[in-house]
């Protein structure tokens, strides 16, 4: 995985449905739509959106930010939130 440290050119909070990307959600998502969808951005970075509001804002992160978050999840650093 390429570690992207520069801020992506897509502005944070852009309307998610305006991005020309392929959104993916976890196979652990449920029928009530309780999920977060993610998409890779051209030029690096990752967009995230709430599946219940596909036209709402997208949060934009660098690949390095997402990698750090996922490492924390795998290490159980956020288990107290559940």
PDB file of N, CA and C in Angstrom:
ATOM      1  N   UNK A   1       0.846  -1.182   0.000  1.00  0.00           N
ATOM      2  CA  UNK A   1       0.000   0.000   0.000  1.00  0.00           C
ATOM      3  C   UNK A   1       0.887   1.239   0.000  1.00  0.00           C
ATOM      4  N   UNK A   2       0.605   2.152  -0.871  1.00  0.00           N
ATOM      5  CA  UNK A   2       1.356   3.398  -0.973  1.00  0.00           C
ATOM      6  C   UNK A   2       0.905   4.346   0.129  1.00  0.00           C
ATOM      7  N   UNK A   3       1.845   4.835   0.914  1.00  0.00           N
ATOM      8  CA  UNK A   3       1.515   5.767   1.991  1.00  0.00           C
ATOM      9  C   UNK A   3       1.472   7.182   1.432  1.00  0.00           C
ATOM     10  N   UNK A   4       0.322   7.764   1.408  1.00  0.00           N
ATOM     11  CA  UNK A   4       0.123   9.129   0.925  1.00  0.00           C
ATOM     12  C   UNK A   4       0.091  10.050   2.126  1.00  0.00           C
ATOM     13  N   UNK A   5       0.977  11.052   2.133  1.00  0.00           N
ATOM     14  CA  UNK A   5       1.013  11.962   3.268  1.00  0.00           C
ATOM     15  C   UNK A   5       0.494  13.345   2.913  1.00  0.00           C
ATOM     16  N   UNK A   6       0.470  13.679   1.636  1.00  0.00           N
ATOM     17  CA  UNK A   6      -0.033  14.990   1.220  1.00  0.00           C
ATOM     18  C   UNK A   6      -1.550  15.018   1.344  1.00  0.00           C
ATOM     19  N   UNK A   7      -2.081  16.185   1.617  1.00  0.00           N
ATOM     20  CA  UNK A   7      -3.524  16.338   1.711  1.00  0.00           C
ATOM     21  C   UNK A   7      -4.117  16.162   0.314  1.00  0.00           C
ATOM     22  N   UNK A   8      -5.125  15.285   0.171  1.00  0.00           N
ATOM     23  CA  UNK A   8      -5.742  15.090  -1.144  1.00  0.00           C
ATOM     24  C   UNK A   8      -6.339  16.392  -1.678  1.00  0.00           C
ATOM     25  N   UNK A   9      -6.450  16.484  -2.990  1.00  0.00           N
ATOM     26  CA  UNK A   9      -6.958  17.704  -3.615  1.00  0.00           C
ATOM     27  C   UNK A   9      -8.477  17.870  -3.465  1.00  0.00           C
ATOM     28  N   UNK A  10      -9.166  16.828  -3.047  1.00  0.00           N
ATOM     29  CA  UNK A  10     -10.612  16.900  -2.844  1.00  0.00           C
ATOM     30  C   UNK A  10     -10.871  17.555  -1.494  1.00  0.00           C
ATOM     31  N   UNK A  11     -11.734  18.558  -1.435  1.00  0.00           N
ATOM     32  CA  UNK A  11     -11.990  19.229  -0.158  1.00  0.00           C
ATOM     33  C   UNK A  11     -12.818  18.374   0.804  1.00  0.00           C
ATOM     34  N   UNK A  12     -12.476  18.442   2.071  1.00  0.00           N
ATOM     35  CA  UNK A  12     -13.234  17.749   3.099  1.00  0.00           C
ATOM     36  C   UNK A  12     -14.652  18.315   3.128  1.00  0.00           C
ATOM     37  N   UNK A  13     -15.647  17.443   3.211  1.00  0.00           N
ATOM     38  CA  UNK A  13     -17.030  17.883   3.254  1.00  0.00           C
ATOM     39  C   UNK A  13     -17.696  18.017   1.902  1.00  0.00           C
ATOM     40  N   UNK A  14     -16.991  17.656   0.831  1.00  0.00           N
ATOM     41  CA  UNK A  14     -17.585  17.710  -0.501  1.00  0.00           C
ATOM     42  C   UNK A  14     -18.797  16.774  -0.542  1.00  0.00           C
ATOM     43  N   UNK A  15     -19.790  17.086  -1.360  1.00  0.00           N
ATOM     44  CA  UNK A  15     -20.961  16.218  -1.499  1.00  0.00           C
ATOM     45  C   UNK A  15     -20.495  14.859  -2.016  1.00  0.00           C
ATOM     46  N   UNK A  16     -20.745  13.815  -1.230  1.00  0.00           N
ATOM     47  CA  UNK A  16     -20.246  12.479  -1.552  1.00  0.00           C
ATOM     48  C   UNK A  16     -20.694  11.994  -2.926  1.00  0.00           C
ATOM     49  N   UNK A  17     -21.928  12.273  -3.289  1.00  0.00           N
ATOM     50  CA  UNK A  17     -22.447  11.787  -4.569  1.00  0.00           C
ATOM     51  C   UNK A  17     -21.834  12.514  -5.765  1.00  0.00           C
ATOM     52  N   UNK A  18     -21.107  13.604  -5.521  1.00  0.00           N
ATOM     53  CA  UNK A  18     -20.465  14.314  -6.623  1.00  0.00           C
ATOM     54  C   UNK A  18     -19.113  13.704  -7.003  1.00  0.00           C
ATOM     55  N   UNK A  19     -18.601  12.825  -6.157  1.00  0.00           N
ATOM     56  CA  UNK A  19     -17.320  12.183  -6.438  1.00  0.00           C
ATOM     57  C   UNK A  19     -17.520  11.036  -7.417  1.00  0.00           C
ATOM     58  N   UNK A  20     -16.687  10.975  -8.404  1.00  0.00           N
ATOM     59  CA  UNK A  20     -16.756   9.880  -9.376  1.00  0.00           C
ATOM     60  C   UNK A  20     -15.840   8.767  -8.894  1.00  0.00           C
ATOM     61  N   UNK A  21     -16.349   8.006  -7.917  1.00  0.00           N
ATOM     62  CA  UNK A  21     -15.582   6.938  -7.285  1.00  0.00           C
ATOM     63  C   UNK A  21     -16.466   5.713  -7.117  1.00  0.00           C
ATOM     64  N   UNK A  22     -15.846   4.616  -6.788  1.00  0.00           N
ATOM     65  CA  UNK A  22     -16.582   3.379  -6.503  1.00  0.00           C
ATOM     66  C   UNK A  22     -16.627   3.218  -4.986  1.00  0.00           C
ATOM     67  N   UNK A  23     -17.817   3.346  -4.412  1.00  0.00           N
ATOM     68  CA  UNK A  23     -17.994   3.237  -2.966  1.00  0.00           C
ATOM     69  C   UNK A  23     -18.072   1.774  -2.569  1.00  0.00           C
ATOM     70  N   UNK A  24     -17.449   1.438  -1.440  1.00  0.00           N
ATOM     71  CA  UNK A  24     -17.434   0.072  -0.920  1.00  0.00           C
ATOM     72  C   UNK A  24     -17.857   0.099   0.537  1.00  0.00           C
ATOM     73  N   UNK A  25     -18.667  -0.892   0.931  1.00  0.00           N
ATOM     74  CA  UNK A  25     -19.022  -1.001   2.342  1.00  0.00           C
ATOM     75  C   UNK A  25     -18.688  -2.399   2.835  1.00  0.00           C
ATOM     76  N   UNK A  26     -18.570  -2.519   4.131  1.00  0.00           N
ATOM     77  CA  UNK A  26     -18.186  -3.775   4.757  1.00  0.00           C
ATOM     78  C   UNK A  26     -19.244  -4.846   4.567  1.00  0.00           C
ATOM     79  N   UNK A  27     -18.805  -6.074   4.451  1.00  0.00           N
ATOM     80  CA  UNK A  27     -19.753  -7.201   4.398  1.00  0.00           C
ATOM     81  C   UNK A  27     -20.441  -7.391   5.742  1.00  0.00           C
ATOM     82  N   UNK A  28     -19.959  -6.681   6.789  1.00  0.00           N
ATOM     83  CA  UNK A  28     -20.575  -6.741   8.114  1.00  0.00           C
ATOM     84  C   UNK A  28     -21.719  -5.730   8.262  1.00  0.00           C
ATOM     85  N   UNK A  29     -21.988  -4.954   7.233  1.00  0.00           N
ATOM     86  CA  UNK A  29     -23.084  -3.985   7.271  1.00  0.00           C
ATOM     87  C   UNK A  29     -24.409  -4.720   7.423  1.00  0.00           C
ATOM     88  N   UNK A  30     -25.401  -4.027   7.973  1.00  0.00           N
ATOM     89  CA  UNK A  30     -26.683  -4.690   8.171  1.00  0.00           C
ATOM     90  C   UNK A  30     -27.773  -4.048   7.322  1.00  0.00           C
ATOM     91  N   UNK A  31     -28.940  -4.652   7.334  1.00  0.00           N
ATOM     92  CA  UNK A  31     -30.056  -4.208   6.492  1.00  0.00           C
ATOM     93  C   UNK A  31     -30.583  -2.824   6.857  1.00  0.00           C
ATOM     94  N   UNK A  32     -30.313  -2.356   8.064  1.00  0.00           N
ATOM     95  CA  UNK A  32     -30.770  -1.035   8.481  1.00  0.00           C
ATOM     96  C   UNK A  32     -29.878   0.081   7.933  1.00  0.00           C
ATOM     97  N   UNK A  33     -28.833  -0.277   7.215  1.00  0.00           N
ATOM     98  CA  UNK A  33     -27.966   0.731   6.621  1.00  0.00           C
ATOM     99  C   UNK A  33     -26.957   1.318   7.578  1.00  0.00           C
ATOM    100  N   UNK A  34     -26.665   0.621   8.657  1.00  0.00           N
ATOM    101  CA  UNK A  34     -25.690   1.107   9.626  1.00  0.00           C
ATOM    102  C   UNK A  34     -24.280   0.795   9.146  1.00  0.00           C
ATOM    103  N   UNK A  35     -23.802   1.609   8.227  1.00  0.00           N
ATOM    104  CA  UNK A  35     -22.464   1.346   7.730  1.00  0.00           C
ATOM    105  C   UNK A  35     -21.824   2.630   7.211  1.00  0.00           C
ATOM    106  N   UNK A  36     -20.548   2.541   7.089  1.00  0.00           N
ATOM    107  CA  UNK A  36     -19.742   3.607   6.507  1.00  0.00           C
ATOM    108  C   UNK A  36     -19.218   3.057   5.190  1.00  0.00           C
ATOM    109  N   UNK A  37     -19.233   3.866   4.162  1.00  0.00           N
ATOM    110  CA  UNK A  37     -18.693   3.457   2.866  1.00  0.00           C
ATOM    111  C   UNK A  37     -17.400   4.214   2.616  1.00  0.00           C
ATOM    112  N   UNK A  38     -16.472   3.560   1.936  1.00  0.00           N
ATOM    113  CA  UNK A  38     -15.178   4.169   1.635  1.00  0.00           C
ATOM    114  C   UNK A  38     -14.908   4.088   0.137  1.00  0.00           C
ATOM    115  N   UNK A  39     -14.049   4.999  -0.327  1.00  0.00           N
ATOM    116  CA  UNK A  39     -13.664   5.005  -1.741  1.00  0.00           C
ATOM    117  C   UNK A  39     -12.254   5.557  -1.865  1.00  0.00           C
ATOM    118  N   UNK A  40     -11.477   4.977  -2.757  1.00  0.00           N
ATOM    119  CA  UNK A  40     -10.148   5.503  -3.065  1.00  0.00           C
ATOM    120  C   UNK A  40     -10.291   6.702  -3.976  1.00  0.00           C
ATOM    121  N   UNK A  41      -9.469   7.702  -3.737  1.00  0.00           N
ATOM    122  CA  UNK A  41      -9.492   8.909  -4.557  1.00  0.00           C
ATOM    123  C   UNK A  41      -8.331   8.908  -5.542  1.00  0.00           C
ATOM    124  N   UNK A  42      -8.564   9.427  -6.720  1.00  0.00           N
ATOM    125  CA  UNK A  42      -7.503   9.582  -7.696  1.00  0.00           C
ATOM    126  C   UNK A  42      -6.442  10.506  -7.115  1.00  0.00           C
ATOM    127  N   UNK A  43      -5.209  10.128  -7.206  1.00  0.00           N
ATOM    128  CA  UNK A  43      -4.140  10.953  -6.666  1.00  0.00           C
ATOM    129  C   UNK A  43      -3.848  10.683  -5.203  1.00  0.00           C
ATOM    130  N   UNK A  44      -4.499   9.690  -4.632  1.00  0.00           N
ATOM    131  CA  UNK A  44      -4.271   9.328  -3.241  1.00  0.00           C
ATOM    132  C   UNK A  44      -5.374   9.819  -2.332  1.00  0.00           C
ATOM    133  N   UNK A  45      -5.465   9.201  -1.213  1.00  0.00           N
ATOM    134  CA  UNK A  45      -6.469   9.581  -0.235  1.00  0.00           C
ATOM    135  C   UNK A  45      -7.663   8.658  -0.272  1.00  0.00           C
ATOM    136  N   UNK A  46      -8.489   8.805   0.752  1.00  0.00           N
ATOM    137  CA  UNK A  46      -9.671   7.970   0.923  1.00  0.00           C
ATOM    138  C   UNK A  46     -10.838   8.860   1.324  1.00  0.00           C
ATOM    139  N   UNK A  47     -11.979   8.632   0.702  1.00  0.00           N
ATOM    140  CA  UNK A  47     -13.209   9.330   1.067  1.00  0.00           C
ATOM    141  C   UNK A  47     -14.078   8.376   1.869  1.00  0.00           C
ATOM    142  N   UNK A  48     -14.775   8.913   2.878  1.00  0.00           N
ATOM    143  CA  UNK A  48     -15.718   8.123   3.674  1.00  0.00           C
ATOM    144  C   UNK A  48     -17.046   8.856   3.723  1.00  0.00           C
ATOM    145  N   UNK A  49     -18.147   8.062   3.672  1.00  0.00           N
ATOM    146  CA  UNK A  49     -19.477   8.661   3.766  1.00  0.00           C
ATOM    147  C   UNK A  49     -20.386   7.753   4.573  1.00  0.00           C
ATOM    148  N   UNK A  50     -21.459   8.331   5.073  1.00  0.00           N
ATOM    149  CA  UNK A  50     -22.492   7.604   5.788  1.00  0.00           C
ATOM    150  C   UNK A  50     -23.422   6.986   4.743  1.00  0.00           C
ATOM    151  N   UNK A  51     -23.617   5.688   4.784  1.00  0.00           N
ATOM    152  CA  UNK A  51     -24.451   5.029   3.775  1.00  0.00           C
ATOM    153  C   UNK A  51     -25.899   5.488   3.822  1.00  0.00           C
ATOM    154  N   UNK A  52     -26.374   5.983   4.969  1.00  0.00           N
ATOM    155  CA  UNK A  52     -27.750   6.468   5.075  1.00  0.00           C
ATOM    156  C   UNK A  52     -27.928   7.824   4.410  1.00  0.00           C
ATOM    157  N   UNK A  53     -26.826   8.490   4.084  1.00  0.00           N
ATOM    158  CA  UNK A  53     -26.878   9.825   3.477  1.00  0.00           C
ATOM    159  C   UNK A  53     -25.866   9.893   2.331  1.00  0.00           C
ATOM    160  N   UNK A  54     -26.108   9.153   1.237  1.00  0.00           N
ATOM    161  CA  UNK A  54     -25.120   9.084   0.155  1.00  0.00           C
ATOM    162  C   UNK A  54     -24.872  10.415  -0.553  1.00  0.00           C
ATOM    163  N   UNK A  55     -25.773  11.386  -0.375  1.00  0.00           N
ATOM    164  CA  UNK A  55     -25.584  12.699  -0.986  1.00  0.00           C
ATOM    165  C   UNK A  55     -24.989  13.699  -0.001  1.00  0.00           C
ATOM    166  N   UNK A  56     -24.798  13.252   1.233  1.00  0.00           N
ATOM    167  CA  UNK A  56     -24.244  14.119   2.270  1.00  0.00           C
ATOM    168  C   UNK A  56     -22.748  14.317   2.100  1.00  0.00           C
ATOM    169  N   UNK A  57     -22.103  14.868   3.116  1.00  0.00           N
ATOM    170  CA  UNK A  57     -20.685  15.179   3.011  1.00  0.00           C
ATOM    171  C   UNK A  57     -19.804  13.934   3.068  1.00  0.00           C
ATOM    172  N   UNK A  58     -18.685  14.014   2.384  1.00  0.00           N
ATOM    173  CA  UNK A  58     -17.655  12.977   2.460  1.00  0.00           C
ATOM    174  C   UNK A  58     -16.503  13.517   3.290  1.00  0.00           C
ATOM    175  N   UNK A  59     -16.014  12.697   4.179  1.00  0.00           N
ATOM    176  CA  UNK A  59     -14.811  13.043   4.929  1.00  0.00           C
ATOM    177  C   UNK A  59     -13.620  12.517   4.145  1.00  0.00           C
ATOM    178  N   UNK A  60     -12.607  13.339   3.992  1.00  0.00           N
ATOM    179  CA  UNK A  60     -11.455  13.005   3.165  1.00  0.00           C
ATOM    180  C   UNK A  60     -10.231  12.831   4.047  1.00  0.00           C
ATOM    181  N   UNK A  61      -9.533  11.708   3.870  1.00  0.00           N
ATOM    182  CA  UNK A  61      -8.340  11.390   4.652  1.00  0.00           C
ATOM    183  C   UNK A  61      -7.197  10.990   3.737  1.00  0.00           C
ATOM    184  N   UNK A  62      -5.978  11.185   4.221  1.00  0.00           N
ATOM    185  CA  UNK A  62      -4.820  10.665   3.491  1.00  0.00           C
ATOM    186  C   UNK A  62      -4.745   9.163   3.738  1.00  0.00           C
ATOM    187  N   UNK A  63      -4.015   8.461   2.893  1.00  0.00           N
ATOM    188  CA  UNK A  63      -3.825   7.024   3.083  1.00  0.00           C
ATOM    189  C   UNK A  63      -3.125   6.745   4.405  1.00  0.00           C
ATOM    190  N   UNK A  64      -2.189   7.603   4.789  1.00  0.00           N
ATOM    191  CA  UNK A  64      -1.467   7.426   6.054  1.00  0.00           C
ATOM    192  C   UNK A  64      -2.407   7.568   7.245  1.00  0.00           C
ATOM    193  N   UNK A  65      -3.351   8.495   7.185  1.00  0.00           N
ATOM    194  CA  UNK A  65      -4.324   8.660   8.278  1.00  0.00           C
ATOM    195  C   UNK A  65      -5.200   7.420   8.416  1.00  0.00           C
ATOM    196  N   UNK A  66      -5.653   6.888   7.300  1.00  0.00           N
ATOM    197  CA  UNK A  66      -6.501   5.698   7.332  1.00  0.00           C
ATOM    198  C   UNK A  66      -5.698   4.499   7.838  1.00  0.00           C
ATOM    199  N   UNK A  67      -4.459   4.372   7.393  1.00  0.00           N
ATOM    200  CA  UNK A  67      -3.612   3.266   7.850  1.00  0.00           C
ATOM    201  C   UNK A  67      -3.400   3.330   9.364  1.00  0.00           C
ATOM    202  N   UNK A  68      -3.182   4.525   9.908  1.00  0.00           N
ATOM    203  CA  UNK A  68      -2.995   4.679  11.353  1.00  0.00           C
ATOM    204  C   UNK A  68      -4.274   4.302  12.101  1.00  0.00           C
ATOM    205  N   UNK A  69      -5.425   4.721  11.584  1.00  0.00           N
ATOM    206  CA  UNK A  69      -6.700   4.387  12.221  1.00  0.00           C
ATOM    207  C   UNK A  69      -6.927   2.877  12.200  1.00  0.00           C
ATOM    208  N   UNK A  70      -6.726   2.248  11.042  1.00  0.00           N
ATOM    209  CA  UNK A  70      -6.947   0.809  10.939  1.00  0.00           C
ATOM    210  C   UNK A  70      -6.001   0.024  11.838  1.00  0.00           C
ATOM    211  N   UNK A  71      -4.766   0.487  11.981  1.00  0.00           N
ATOM    212  CA  UNK A  71      -3.821  -0.168  12.890  1.00  0.00           C
ATOM    213  C   UNK A  71      -4.346  -0.086  14.324  1.00  0.00           C
ATOM    214  N   UNK A  72      -4.899   1.063  14.706  1.00  0.00           N
ATOM    215  CA  UNK A  72      -5.479   1.215  16.038  1.00  0.00           C
ATOM    216  C   UNK A  72      -6.672   0.303  16.245  1.00  0.00           C
ATOM    217  N   UNK A  73      -7.509   0.175  15.224  1.00  0.00           N
ATOM    218  CA  UNK A  73      -8.664  -0.730  15.312  1.00  0.00           C
ATOM    219  C   UNK A  73      -8.180  -2.160  15.519  1.00  0.00           C
ATOM    220  N   UNK A  74      -7.214  -2.579  14.713  1.00  0.00           N
ATOM    221  CA  UNK A  74      -6.693  -3.945  14.823  1.00  0.00           C
ATOM    222  C   UNK A  74      -6.043  -4.200  16.174  1.00  0.00           C
ATOM    223  N   UNK A  75      -5.473  -3.176  16.777  1.00  0.00           N
ATOM    224  CA  UNK A  75      -4.833  -3.307  18.092  1.00  0.00           C
ATOM    225  C   UNK A  75      -5.816  -3.184  19.243  1.00  0.00           C
ATOM    226  N   UNK A  76      -7.096  -2.955  18.944  1.00  0.00           N
ATOM    227  CA  UNK A  76      -8.114  -2.864  19.988  1.00  0.00           C
ATOM    228  C   UNK A  76      -8.182  -1.543  20.698  1.00  0.00           C
ATOM    229  N   UNK A  77      -7.562  -0.493  20.141  1.00  0.00           N
ATOM    230  CA  UNK A  77      -7.515   0.806  20.804  1.00  0.00           C
ATOM    231  C   UNK A  77      -8.887   1.478  20.923  1.00  0.00           C
ATOM    232  N   UNK A  78      -9.856   1.038  20.155  1.00  0.00           N
ATOM    233  CA  UNK A  78     -11.169   1.671  20.162  1.00  0.00           C
ATOM    234  C   UNK A  78     -12.265   0.738  20.689  1.00  0.00           C
ATOM    235  N   UNK A  79     -11.862  -0.374  21.272  1.00  0.00           N
ATOM    236  CA  UNK A  79     -12.833  -1.351  21.760  1.00  0.00           C
ATOM    237  C   UNK A  79     -13.767  -0.753  22.813  1.00  0.00           C
ATOM    238  N   UNK A  80     -13.325   0.260  23.532  1.00  0.00           N
ATOM    239  CA  UNK A  80     -14.162   0.856  24.570  1.00  0.00           C
ATOM    240  C   UNK A  80     -15.337   1.632  23.986  1.00  0.00           C
ATOM    241  N   UNK A  81     -15.344   1.866  22.691  1.00  0.00           N
ATOM    242  CA  UNK A  81     -16.455   2.572  22.051  1.00  0.00           C
ATOM    243  C   UNK A  81     -17.641   1.659  21.779  1.00  0.00           C
ATOM    244  N   UNK A  82     -17.448   0.380  21.873  1.00  0.00           N
ATOM    245  CA  UNK A  82     -18.505  -0.574  21.536  1.00  0.00           C
ATOM    246  C   UNK A  82     -19.200  -1.066  22.780  1.00  0.00           C
TER     247      UNK A  82
END
